[in-house]
N, C-alpha and C. Protein backbone atom coordinates (compact mmCIF):
# COMPACT_ATOMS: atom_id res chain seq x y z
N UNK A 1 0.84 -1.08 -0.25
CA UNK A 1 -0.35 -0.22 -0.10
C UNK A 1 1.01 1.50 -0.02
N UNK A 2 0.50 2.41 -0.82
CA UNK A 2 1.90 3.53 -0.76
C UNK A 2 0.93 4.38 0.19
N UNK A 3 2.48 4.52 0.50
CA UNK A 3 2.39 5.17 2.58
C UNK A 3 1.84 7.31 1.64
N UNK A 4 1.44 7.53 2.60
CA UNK A 4 1.07 8.96 2.86
C UNK A 4 1.85 10.21 3.15
N UNK A 5 2.05 11.17 3.75
CA UNK A 5 2.37 12.47 5.07
C UNK A 5 1.92 12.67 4.66
N UNK A 6 0.26 12.44 4.95
CA UNK A 6 -0.42 13.85 4.23
C UNK A 6 -1.30 14.26 5.72
N UNK A 7 -2.18 14.96 5.99
CA UNK A 7 -2.62 15.17 7.28
C UNK A 7 -3.81 15.73 6.73
N UNK A 8 -5.37 15.21 7.91
CA UNK A 8 -6.20 15.09 7.12
C UNK A 8 -7.28 15.35 8.62
N UNK A 9 -7.85 16.51 7.88
CA UNK A 9 -8.64 17.16 9.59
C UNK A 9 -10.31 16.29 9.43
N UNK A 10 -11.10 16.01 10.14
CA UNK A 10 -12.21 14.92 10.57
C UNK A 10 -12.99 16.09 11.31
N UNK A 11 -13.73 16.53 10.76
CA UNK A 11 -14.56 17.48 11.91
C UNK A 11 -16.34 16.44 12.45
N UNK A 12 -16.39 16.09 13.28
CA UNK A 12 -17.06 15.17 13.70
C UNK A 12 -16.65 14.09 13.71
N UNK A 13 -15.30 13.59 14.50
CA UNK A 13 -15.12 12.12 14.27
C UNK A 13 -15.50 11.67 15.22
N UNK A 14 -15.43 11.67 15.98
CA UNK A 14 -15.66 10.75 17.09
C UNK A 14 -17.10 9.65 17.24
N UNK A 15 -17.76 9.88 16.46
CA UNK A 15 -19.06 8.49 15.93
C UNK A 15 -19.14 8.93 14.96
N UNK A 16 -20.50 7.65 14.42
CA UNK A 16 -20.72 7.32 13.19
C UNK A 16 -19.57 7.60 11.80
N UNK A 17 -20.04 8.29 10.80
CA UNK A 17 -18.79 8.28 9.76
C UNK A 17 -18.01 9.21 9.49
N UNK A 18 -18.14 9.94 10.40
CA UNK A 18 -16.34 10.59 10.70
C UNK A 18 -15.76 9.22 11.65
N UNK A 19 -16.40 9.23 12.52
CA UNK A 19 -15.28 7.99 13.27
C UNK A 19 -14.72 6.38 12.12
N UNK A 20 -15.72 6.32 11.10
CA UNK A 20 -15.35 5.30 10.21
C UNK A 20 -13.83 6.41 9.05
N UNK A 21 -14.45 7.52 9.58
CA UNK A 21 -13.74 7.27 8.10
C UNK A 21 -12.40 8.06 8.93
N UNK A 22 -11.81 8.27 10.29
CA UNK A 22 -10.72 8.67 10.95
C UNK A 22 -10.03 6.64 10.42
N UNK A 23 -11.13 6.63 10.81
CA UNK A 23 -9.87 4.99 10.90
C UNK A 23 -9.63 3.98 9.50
N UNK A 24 -10.24 4.81 8.21
CA UNK A 24 -9.91 4.19 6.95
C UNK A 24 -9.13 5.08 6.66
N UNK A 25 -8.53 6.32 7.33
CA UNK A 25 -7.41 7.55 6.39
C UNK A 25 -6.32 7.16 7.28
N UNK A 26 -6.41 6.24 8.84
CA UNK A 26 -5.48 6.12 9.49
C UNK A 26 -4.41 4.81 8.92
N UNK A 27 -5.85 4.27 8.74
CA UNK A 27 -4.49 2.87 8.09
C UNK A 27 -4.50 2.78 6.98
N UNK A 28 -4.62 3.77 5.97
CA UNK A 28 -3.55 3.98 5.28
C UNK A 28 -2.15 5.24 5.16
N UNK A 29 -2.17 5.53 6.09
CA UNK A 29 -0.97 6.50 6.84
C UNK A 29 -1.18 7.49 6.98
N UNK A 30 -2.32 8.10 6.64
CA UNK A 30 -2.65 9.96 7.14
C UNK A 30 -2.84 9.97 8.62
N UNK A 31 -2.07 11.54 8.51
CA UNK A 31 -1.90 11.47 10.35
C UNK A 31 -3.33 12.80 10.04
N UNK A 32 -4.22 12.34 11.17
CA UNK A 32 -5.63 12.65 11.42
C UNK A 32 -5.46 13.51 12.39
N UNK A 33 -6.55 14.06 12.29
CA UNK A 33 -7.02 15.25 13.70
C UNK A 33 -8.75 15.36 13.20
N UNK A 34 -8.90 14.87 15.03
CA UNK A 34 -10.54 14.67 15.21
C UNK A 34 -11.24 16.60 16.40
N UNK A 35 -11.54 17.10 15.42
CA UNK A 35 -12.32 18.84 15.50
C UNK A 35 -13.63 18.33 16.09
N UNK A 36 -14.07 17.87 17.18
CA UNK A 36 -15.29 17.51 18.02
C UNK A 36 -15.22 17.62 18.90
N UNK A 37 -17.00 17.56 19.75
CA UNK A 37 -16.75 17.71 21.58
C UNK A 37 -16.61 17.01 22.13
N UNK A 38 -15.99 15.43 21.47
CA UNK A 38 -16.00 14.23 22.00
C UNK A 38 -14.61 13.66 21.78
N UNK A 39 -13.69 13.12 22.09
CA UNK A 39 -12.66 12.29 21.96
C UNK A 39 -12.71 11.05 20.86
N UNK A 40 -11.85 11.12 19.58
CA UNK A 40 -11.80 9.64 18.96
C UNK A 40 -11.69 8.53 19.77
N UNK A 41 -12.17 7.25 19.75
CA UNK A 41 -11.29 6.40 20.57
C UNK A 41 -10.02 5.90 20.25
N UNK A 42 -9.82 5.97 18.76
CA UNK A 42 -8.76 5.48 17.92
C UNK A 42 -7.91 6.00 18.31
N UNK A 43 -6.71 4.53 18.77
CA UNK A 43 -5.31 5.50 19.06
C UNK A 43 -4.39 6.38 17.85
N UNK A 44 -4.50 6.66 16.96
CA UNK A 44 -3.74 6.69 15.78
C UNK A 44 -4.58 8.16 15.47
N UNK A 45 -5.38 8.65 16.41
CA UNK A 45 -5.95 10.02 15.65
C UNK A 45 -5.52 10.82 17.46
N UNK A 46 -5.36 11.98 16.46
CA UNK A 46 -5.05 13.13 17.45
C UNK A 46 -6.40 13.65 17.53
N UNK A 47 -6.65 14.19 18.96
CA UNK A 47 -8.52 15.07 19.01
C UNK A 47 -7.71 16.61 19.46
N UNK A 48 -8.95 17.37 18.63
CA UNK A 48 -8.99 18.55 19.56
C UNK A 48 -10.40 19.02 19.83
N UNK A 49 -10.18 19.21 21.06
CA UNK A 49 -11.99 18.63 21.76
C UNK A 49 -12.09 20.41 21.42
N UNK A 50 -13.65 20.91 20.67
CA UNK A 50 -14.07 22.12 20.23
C UNK A 50 -15.64 21.74 19.68
N UNK A 51 -16.10 22.73 19.91
CA UNK A 51 -17.94 22.62 19.51
C UNK A 51 -17.76 23.17 18.15
N UNK A 52 -18.27 22.55 17.38
CA UNK A 52 -18.97 23.34 16.19
C UNK A 52 -19.91 23.71 15.75
N UNK A 53 -20.28 24.20 16.66
CA UNK A 53 -21.68 24.89 16.45
C UNK A 53 -21.17 26.81 17.06
N UNK A 54 -19.96 26.19 17.84
CA UNK A 54 -19.79 27.72 18.45
C UNK A 54 -18.99 28.17 17.15
N UNK A 55 -18.78 29.22 16.57
CA UNK A 55 -18.36 29.53 15.36
C UNK A 55 -16.80 30.16 15.58
N UNK A 56 -16.32 30.74 16.70
CA UNK A 56 -15.38 31.15 17.04
C UNK A 56 -14.42 30.07 17.52
N UNK A 57 -14.71 28.97 18.15
CA UNK A 57 -14.22 28.47 18.94
C UNK A 57 -13.63 27.55 17.40
N UNK A 58 -14.25 26.93 16.56
CA UNK A 58 -14.18 26.11 15.72
C UNK A 58 -12.94 26.70 14.15
N UNK A 59 -13.20 27.96 14.63
CA UNK A 59 -12.83 28.23 13.72
C UNK A 59 -10.82 28.44 13.98
N UNK A 60 -10.97 28.92 15.51
CA UNK A 60 -9.51 28.68 15.93
C UNK A 60 -8.96 27.86 16.24
N UNK A 61 -9.40 26.81 16.30
CA UNK A 61 -9.05 25.62 16.35
C UNK A 61 -8.70 25.04 15.30
N UNK A 62 -9.30 24.97 14.26
CA UNK A 62 -8.53 24.74 12.68
C UNK A 62 -7.53 25.70 12.46
N UNK A 63 -8.13 26.92 12.56
CA UNK A 63 -6.62 28.01 12.51
C UNK A 63 -5.36 27.08 13.15
N UNK A 64 -5.44 26.67 14.56
CA UNK A 64 -4.94 25.90 15.22
C UNK A 64 -3.62 24.90 14.65
N UNK A 65 -4.69 23.85 14.50
CA UNK A 65 -4.22 22.59 13.82
C UNK A 65 -3.70 23.06 12.22
N UNK A 66 -4.38 24.02 11.99
CA UNK A 66 -3.04 23.99 10.15
C UNK A 66 -2.36 24.78 10.05
N UNK A 67 -1.64 25.38 11.13
CA UNK A 67 -0.63 26.00 12.06
C UNK A 67 0.54 25.31 12.46
N UNK A 68 0.40 24.04 13.12
CA UNK A 68 1.11 23.36 13.67
C UNK A 68 0.73 21.81 12.91
N UNK A 69 0.00 21.29 11.85
CA UNK A 69 0.71 20.10 11.31
C UNK A 69 0.51 20.15 9.64
N UNK A 70 -0.29 21.07 9.68
CA UNK A 70 -0.86 21.58 7.96
C UNK A 70 -2.10 20.59 7.72
N UNK A 71 -2.61 21.04 6.36
CA UNK A 71 -3.76 20.45 6.59
C UNK A 71 -3.69 20.40 4.20
N UNK A 72 -4.01 19.16 4.64
CA UNK A 72 -4.16 18.64 2.83
C UNK A 72 -5.79 18.43 2.92
N UNK A 73 -6.53 17.81 3.93
CA UNK A 73 -7.88 17.29 3.66
C UNK A 73 -8.33 17.77 4.68
N UNK A 74 -9.91 18.72 4.90
CA UNK A 74 -10.64 18.10 5.54
C UNK A 74 -12.32 17.86 5.21
N UNK A 75 -12.95 16.79 6.27
CA UNK A 75 -13.71 16.10 6.01
C UNK A 75 -14.77 17.17 7.13
N UNK A 76 -16.22 17.13 6.66
CA UNK A 76 -17.10 17.77 7.80
C UNK A 76 -17.81 16.59 8.19
N UNK A 77 -17.80 16.22 9.17
CA UNK A 77 -18.96 15.06 9.32
C UNK A 77 -19.47 15.31 10.77
N UNK A 78 -19.74 16.52 10.82
CA UNK A 78 -20.54 17.11 11.71
C UNK A 78 -21.71 17.17 11.72
N UNK A 79 -22.61 15.77 13.01
CA UNK A 79 -23.89 16.65 12.72
C UNK A 79 -24.80 17.25 13.75
N UNK A 80 -25.36 17.95 13.70
CA UNK A 80 -26.27 18.93 15.11
C UNK A 80 -27.07 19.17 14.19
N UNK A 81 -28.21 19.62 15.62
CA UNK A 81 -29.59 19.66 15.53
C UNK A 81 -29.91 21.84 16.06
N UNK A 82 -30.75 22.07 15.80
CA UNK A 82 -30.93 23.71 15.90
C UNK A 82 -32.81 23.51 16.70
N UNK A 83 -33.11 23.98 17.38
CA UNK A 83 -33.96 24.00 18.19
C UNK A 83 -34.79 25.30 18.09
N UNK A 84 -34.48 25.55 16.78
CA UNK A 84 -35.09 27.07 15.83
C UNK A 84 -34.78 27.24 14.64
N UNK A 85 -35.80 27.81 13.55
CA UNK A 85 -34.98 28.01 12.41
C UNK A 85 -33.59 28.62 12.31
N UNK A 86 -33.36 28.40 10.25
CA UNK A 86 -32.07 28.25 11.08
C UNK A 86 -31.76 30.28 11.01
N UNK A 87 -32.47 30.97 10.72
CA UNK A 87 -33.21 32.52 10.65
C UNK A 87 -32.77 33.12 12.17
N UNK A 88 -32.39 32.52 12.80
CA UNK A 88 -33.16 33.05 13.94
C UNK A 88 -31.15 32.29 14.34
N UNK A 89 -30.71 31.87 13.46
CA UNK A 89 -28.77 31.54 14.44
C UNK A 89 -28.01 32.92 14.43
N UNK A 90 -27.53 32.80 15.18
CA UNK A 90 -26.52 34.08 15.67
C UNK A 90 -25.37 34.08 14.86
N UNK A 91 -24.61 33.07 14.59
CA UNK A 91 -23.76 33.08 13.62
C UNK A 91 -23.58 32.39 11.99
């Protein structure tokens, strides 16, 4: 299998499709960073705890990861729901 020295950020990589995405990327020798409210249990994945709904916290997390590790791929798998229509969202 071809080896990669690339970094992928998976937003929402702690469960579901995001968790499986982390597993597949690490199995192909990618450096993987999960950004979510909960850590990914895969020991090969680095975790950055941040709430993607809190815009500035999420933006800060992406910027720090990009500066420290570089960023080749961004996969957005986070799911969330709102208790109000989107037009009432603050950010």
